[in-house]
N, C-alpha and C. Protein backbone atom coordinates (compact mmCIF):
# COMPACT_ATOMS: atom_id res chain seq x y z
N UNK A 1 86.21 85.20 94.49
CA UNK A 1 87.25 83.97 94.68
C UNK A 1 86.77 83.05 94.03
N UNK A 2 85.65 82.83 93.31
CA UNK A 2 85.19 82.19 92.62
C UNK A 2 86.06 81.52 91.69
N UNK A 3 86.05 80.43 91.04
CA UNK A 3 86.79 79.90 89.93
C UNK A 3 86.91 80.42 88.47
N UNK A 4 85.47 81.22 88.21
CA UNK A 4 85.16 82.00 87.07
C UNK A 4 86.00 83.39 86.85
N UNK A 5 86.10 83.67 88.13
CA UNK A 5 86.93 85.27 88.42
C UNK A 5 88.28 84.78 88.21
N UNK A 6 88.72 83.81 89.04
CA UNK A 6 89.94 83.62 89.25
C UNK A 6 90.95 83.41 88.00
N UNK A 7 90.26 82.52 86.96
CA UNK A 7 90.51 82.13 85.67
C UNK A 7 90.40 83.01 84.67
N UNK A 8 89.86 84.38 85.26
CA UNK A 8 89.69 85.55 84.06
C UNK A 8 90.47 86.35 84.21
N UNK A 9 91.54 86.29 82.83
CA UNK A 9 92.54 87.46 82.90
C UNK A 9 91.66 88.82 83.12
N UNK A 10 90.87 89.09 82.20
CA UNK A 10 90.05 90.34 82.31
C UNK A 10 89.36 90.68 83.79
N UNK A 11 88.77 89.91 84.55
CA UNK A 11 88.29 90.15 85.70
C UNK A 11 89.22 90.38 86.88
N UNK A 12 90.44 89.54 86.52
CA UNK A 12 91.34 89.85 87.60
C UNK A 12 92.00 91.30 87.52
N UNK A 13 92.47 91.68 86.26
CA UNK A 13 93.09 92.98 85.56
C UNK A 13 91.91 94.33 86.31
N UNK A 14 90.55 93.92 86.24
CA UNK A 14 89.56 94.97 86.59
C UNK A 14 89.63 94.92 88.06
N UNK A 15 90.15 93.73 88.79
CA UNK A 15 89.75 93.78 90.39
C UNK A 15 91.02 94.32 91.12
N UNK A 16 92.03 94.10 90.55
CA UNK A 16 93.68 94.49 91.18
C UNK A 16 94.03 96.08 90.57
N UNK A 17 94.60 96.42 91.59
CA UNK A 17 95.13 98.06 91.60
C UNK A 17 96.37 97.68 90.71
N UNK A 18 96.73 98.51 89.64
CA UNK A 18 97.94 98.30 88.84
C UNK A 18 99.18 98.17 89.57
N UNK A 19 99.37 98.93 90.95
CA UNK A 19 100.44 98.76 91.76
C UNK A 19 100.10 97.47 92.65
N UNK A 20 99.18 96.76 92.62
CA UNK A 20 99.05 95.56 93.52
C UNK A 20 100.37 94.84 93.84
N UNK A 21 100.59 94.44 95.21
CA UNK A 21 101.45 93.34 95.65
C UNK A 21 100.92 92.24 96.56
N UNK A 22 101.21 91.01 96.52
CA UNK A 22 101.02 90.24 97.37
C UNK A 22 101.72 89.28 97.92
N UNK A 23 101.65 89.32 99.07
CA UNK A 23 102.50 87.76 99.83
C UNK A 23 101.46 87.09 99.80
N UNK A 24 101.86 85.67 99.10
CA UNK A 24 100.91 84.69 98.96
C UNK A 24 101.27 83.66 100.48
N UNK A 25 100.38 82.73 100.81
CA UNK A 25 100.73 81.75 102.05
C UNK A 25 102.01 80.95 101.98
N UNK A 26 102.35 80.51 100.62
CA UNK A 26 103.39 80.37 100.36
C UNK A 26 104.77 80.69 100.47
N UNK A 27 104.63 82.02 100.67
CA UNK A 27 105.73 83.08 100.65
C UNK A 27 106.08 83.40 99.29
N UNK A 28 105.40 83.30 98.35
CA UNK A 28 105.36 84.21 96.92
C UNK A 28 104.92 85.40 96.91
N UNK A 29 106.01 86.26 96.40
CA UNK A 29 105.65 87.64 95.97
C UNK A 29 104.94 87.37 94.70
N UNK A 30 103.78 88.35 94.67
CA UNK A 30 102.94 88.34 93.30
C UNK A 30 103.09 89.92 92.89
N UNK A 31 102.63 90.50 91.67
CA UNK A 31 102.38 91.65 91.37
C UNK A 31 101.08 91.62 90.48
N UNK A 32 100.23 92.96 90.28
CA UNK A 32 99.52 93.12 89.24
C UNK A 32 99.64 91.81 88.01
N UNK A 33 100.70 92.29 87.27
CA UNK A 33 101.38 91.75 86.16
C UNK A 33 101.15 90.09 85.94
N UNK A 34 101.68 90.01 87.15
CA UNK A 34 102.17 88.28 87.52
C UNK A 34 100.68 87.61 87.75
N UNK A 35 99.70 88.35 88.33
CA UNK A 35 98.40 87.78 88.59
C UNK A 35 97.78 87.92 87.18
N UNK A 36 97.67 88.83 86.60
CA UNK A 36 96.74 88.53 85.51
C UNK A 36 97.57 87.79 84.23
N UNK A 37 98.91 87.56 84.05
CA UNK A 37 99.66 86.81 83.51
C UNK A 37 99.07 85.19 83.33
N UNK A 38 98.92 84.80 84.61
CA UNK A 38 98.79 83.41 84.83
C UNK A 38 97.86 83.17 85.60
N UNK A 39 96.60 83.77 85.45
CA UNK A 39 95.45 83.45 86.57
C UNK A 39 94.82 82.17 86.47
N UNK A 40 95.11 81.16 85.45
CA UNK A 40 94.82 80.02 85.46
C UNK A 40 95.74 78.86 86.27
N UNK A 41 96.66 79.36 86.87
CA UNK A 41 97.46 78.72 87.48
C UNK A 41 97.78 78.85 88.99
N UNK A 42 96.78 79.59 89.23
CA UNK A 42 96.52 79.96 90.83
C UNK A 42 95.34 78.79 91.79
N UNK A 43 95.60 78.64 92.77
CA UNK A 43 94.79 77.63 93.32
C UNK A 43 93.26 78.31 93.50
N UNK A 44 92.39 77.19 93.37
CA UNK A 44 91.05 77.77 93.21
C UNK A 44 90.36 78.35 92.24
N UNK A 45 91.16 77.91 90.89
CA UNK A 45 91.15 78.91 89.64
C UNK A 45 90.28 78.04 88.52
N UNK A 46 90.39 76.53 89.12
CA UNK A 46 89.79 75.13 88.06
C UNK A 46 88.08 75.10 89.13
N UNK A 47 87.15 74.92 87.75
CA UNK A 47 85.98 74.63 88.35
C UNK A 47 85.46 73.56 88.53
N UNK A 48 86.54 72.44 88.75
CA UNK A 48 86.11 71.24 88.67
C UNK A 48 87.09 70.63 89.98
N UNK A 49 87.99 71.82 90.57
CA UNK A 49 88.71 71.27 91.82
C UNK A 49 88.32 72.12 92.92
N UNK A 50 88.93 71.97 93.99
CA UNK A 50 88.11 72.67 95.16
C UNK A 50 88.21 74.17 95.14
N UNK A 51 87.29 74.88 95.76
CA UNK A 51 86.97 76.19 95.59
C UNK A 51 87.35 76.86 96.96
N UNK A 52 87.81 78.10 96.86
CA UNK A 52 87.88 78.59 98.30
C UNK A 52 86.53 78.89 99.17
N UNK A 53 86.51 78.69 100.32
CA UNK A 53 85.28 78.86 101.25
C UNK A 53 85.72 80.08 102.18
N UNK A 54 84.98 81.51 102.10
CA UNK A 54 85.71 82.10 102.83
C UNK A 54 84.51 82.20 104.20
N UNK A 55 84.99 82.91 105.23
CA UNK A 55 84.60 83.08 106.34
C UNK A 55 84.77 84.18 107.15
N UNK A 56 84.11 84.55 108.34
CA UNK A 56 84.32 85.96 109.12
C UNK A 56 85.20 86.93 108.47
N UNK A 57 84.45 87.18 107.45
CA UNK A 57 84.97 88.65 106.54
C UNK A 57 84.93 89.63 107.39
N UNK A 58 85.58 90.81 107.64
CA UNK A 58 85.14 91.98 108.08
C UNK A 58 86.28 93.10 107.48
N UNK A 59 85.76 94.17 107.50
CA UNK A 59 86.44 95.38 106.92
C UNK A 59 86.17 96.32 107.78
N UNK A 60 87.63 97.21 108.06
CA UNK A 60 87.69 98.46 108.23
C UNK A 60 88.06 99.58 107.76
N UNK A 61 87.39 100.63 107.80
CA UNK A 61 87.60 101.96 107.09
C UNK A 61 88.65 102.58 107.71
N UNK A 62 90.07 102.74 106.91
CA UNK A 62 91.06 103.16 107.29
C UNK A 62 91.40 104.57 106.97
N UNK A 63 90.90 104.84 106.05
CA UNK A 63 90.87 106.65 105.50
C UNK A 63 89.88 106.68 104.35
N UNK A 64 89.26 107.52 103.98
CA UNK A 64 88.22 107.76 102.94
C UNK A 64 88.71 106.89 101.90
N UNK A 65 88.35 106.01 101.19
CA UNK A 65 88.47 105.30 100.00
C UNK A 65 89.72 104.29 100.38
N UNK A 66 89.69 103.82 101.56
CA UNK A 66 90.80 102.80 101.95
C UNK A 66 89.97 102.17 102.86
N UNK A 67 89.89 100.57 102.65
CA UNK A 67 89.59 99.88 103.61
C UNK A 67 90.32 98.51 103.88
N UNK A 68 90.67 98.22 104.85
CA UNK A 68 91.18 96.71 105.42
C UNK A 68 90.51 95.87 105.58
N UNK A 69 90.31 94.59 104.80
CA UNK A 69 89.65 93.64 104.78
C UNK A 69 90.39 92.33 105.02
N UNK A 70 89.57 91.69 106.37
CA UNK A 70 90.27 90.41 106.66
C UNK A 70 89.05 89.48 106.77
N UNK A 71 89.62 88.04 106.47
CA UNK A 71 88.88 86.79 106.42
C UNK A 71 89.71 85.69 106.58
N UNK A 72 89.19 84.46 106.82
CA UNK A 72 89.56 83.10 106.56
C UNK A 72 88.94 82.33 105.45
N UNK A 73 89.79 81.48 104.90
CA UNK A 73 89.69 80.68 104.13
C UNK A 73 89.90 79.26 104.24
N UNK A 74 89.08 78.43 103.27
CA UNK A 74 89.79 76.95 103.48
C UNK A 74 89.41 76.72 101.84
N UNK A 75 90.63 75.86 101.44
CA UNK A 75 90.60 75.58 99.94
C UNK A 75 91.06 74.08 100.27
N UNK A 76 90.20 73.12 100.16
CA UNK A 76 90.70 71.50 100.25
C UNK A 76 90.59 71.26 101.83
N UNK A 77 91.65 70.87 101.90
CA UNK A 77 92.31 70.62 103.46
C UNK A 77 92.96 71.81 104.18
N UNK A 78 93.41 72.81 103.23
CA UNK A 78 94.18 74.16 103.77
C UNK A 78 93.01 75.19 104.34
N UNK A 79 93.59 75.53 105.47
CA UNK A 79 93.07 77.20 105.87
C UNK A 79 94.21 77.83 106.14
N UNK A 80 93.54 79.22 105.36
CA UNK A 80 94.72 80.56 105.89
C UNK A 80 93.69 81.65 106.24
N UNK A 81 94.46 82.41 106.73
CA UNK A 81 93.92 83.92 107.14
C UNK A 81 94.18 84.73 106.19
N UNK A 82 93.42 85.73 105.51
CA UNK A 82 94.10 86.76 104.96
C UNK A 82 93.63 88.30 105.40
N UNK A 83 94.55 89.38 104.73
CA UNK A 83 94.38 90.55 105.11
C UNK A 83 94.64 91.06 103.72
N UNK A 84 93.86 92.41 103.34
CA UNK A 84 94.02 92.85 101.94
C UNK A 84 93.51 94.25 102.29
N UNK A 85 93.98 95.30 101.46
CA UNK A 85 94.12 96.59 101.32
C UNK A 85 93.37 96.97 100.18
N UNK A 86 92.02 97.37 100.16
CA UNK A 86 91.11 97.69 98.99
C UNK A 86 90.97 99.56 98.84
N UNK A 87 91.55 100.07 97.53
CA UNK A 87 91.55 101.51 97.32
C UNK A 87 90.47 102.01 96.36
N UNK A 88 89.86 102.69 96.50
CA UNK A 88 89.02 103.18 95.28
C UNK A 88 89.45 103.77 94.46
N UNK A 89 89.35 103.66 93.32
CA UNK A 89 89.90 104.10 92.20
C UNK A 89 89.16 105.26 91.58
N UNK A 90 89.59 106.04 90.97
CA UNK A 90 88.62 107.22 90.15
C UNK A 90 87.94 106.82 89.02
N UNK A 91 86.81 107.43 88.83
CA UNK A 91 85.94 107.16 87.39
C UNK A 91 85.82 105.29 87.79
N UNK A 92 85.56 104.62 86.72
CA UNK A 92 84.85 103.43 86.66
C UNK A 92 85.71 102.16 87.34
N UNK A 93 86.70 102.53 87.55
CA UNK A 93 87.38 101.34 88.21
C UNK A 93 87.32 101.24 89.75
N UNK A 94 86.33 101.60 90.21
CA UNK A 94 85.92 101.18 91.58
C UNK A 94 86.88 100.88 92.49
N UNK A 95 86.50 100.04 93.39
CA UNK A 95 87.53 99.24 94.25
C UNK A 95 87.98 98.36 93.59
N UNK A 96 89.48 98.47 94.08
CA UNK A 96 90.63 97.46 93.66
C UNK A 96 91.41 97.04 94.84
N UNK A 97 91.71 95.93 94.61
CA UNK A 97 92.78 95.28 95.92
C UNK A 97 94.37 95.71 95.44
N UNK A 98 94.47 96.38 96.62
CA UNK A 98 96.33 97.21 96.45
C UNK A 98 97.01 96.51 97.25
N UNK A 99 96.64 95.46 98.42
CA UNK A 99 97.71 94.99 98.67
C UNK A 99 96.80 93.21 99.28
N UNK A 100 97.69 92.47 99.44
CA UNK A 100 97.32 91.25 100.00
C UNK A 100 98.39 90.30 100.41
N UNK A 101 97.79 89.65 101.66
CA UNK A 101 98.48 88.87 102.33
C UNK A 101 97.94 87.97 102.92
N UNK A 102 98.47 86.56 102.78
CA UNK A 102 97.79 85.21 103.05
C UNK A 102 98.81 84.49 104.21
N UNK A 103 98.41 83.77 105.06
CA UNK A 103 99.34 82.96 105.93
C UNK A 103 98.54 82.05 106.36
N UNK A 104 99.04 80.69 105.91
CA UNK A 104 98.75 79.43 106.36
C UNK A 104 98.61 79.14 107.85
N UNK A 105 97.27 78.49 108.25
CA UNK A 105 96.95 78.08 109.24
C UNK A 105 97.40 76.67 109.81
N UNK A 106 98.11 76.25 110.50
CA UNK A 106 98.43 74.95 110.54
C UNK A 106 97.27 74.12 111.49
N UNK A 107 97.01 72.88 111.03
CA UNK A 107 95.89 72.36 111.68
C UNK A 107 96.07 72.14 113.35
N UNK A 108 94.56 72.28 113.85
CA UNK A 108 94.85 72.33 115.16
C UNK A 108 94.95 74.20 115.95
N UNK A 109 95.31 74.73 114.89
CA UNK A 109 95.27 76.05 115.62
C UNK A 109 94.42 77.27 115.08
N UNK A 110 94.02 77.82 116.72
CA UNK A 110 92.73 78.52 116.53
C UNK A 110 93.00 79.65 115.44
């Protein structure tokens, strides 16, 4: 979630499954291709700007090689809840994010 990783096409490509799909807090749908093509435009990608501050991270094994990860994050004044599915690839690929969904949390919401 750090800006160096988020701004690096190479690191983003290593961490995302080729079949990756995201539904962001904005409602925008992204694929691995779109995330790799423009990583510098994603929130939290600038070392000079606000960075994501994750908390309450939890993982549940859904099946061998498949994990559901949930957490909350703050970026500046914006709080979001996240859920992602990670799957274990063969060979050196290792764990890659297969699906991600983020939801904006309005101020004053628990």
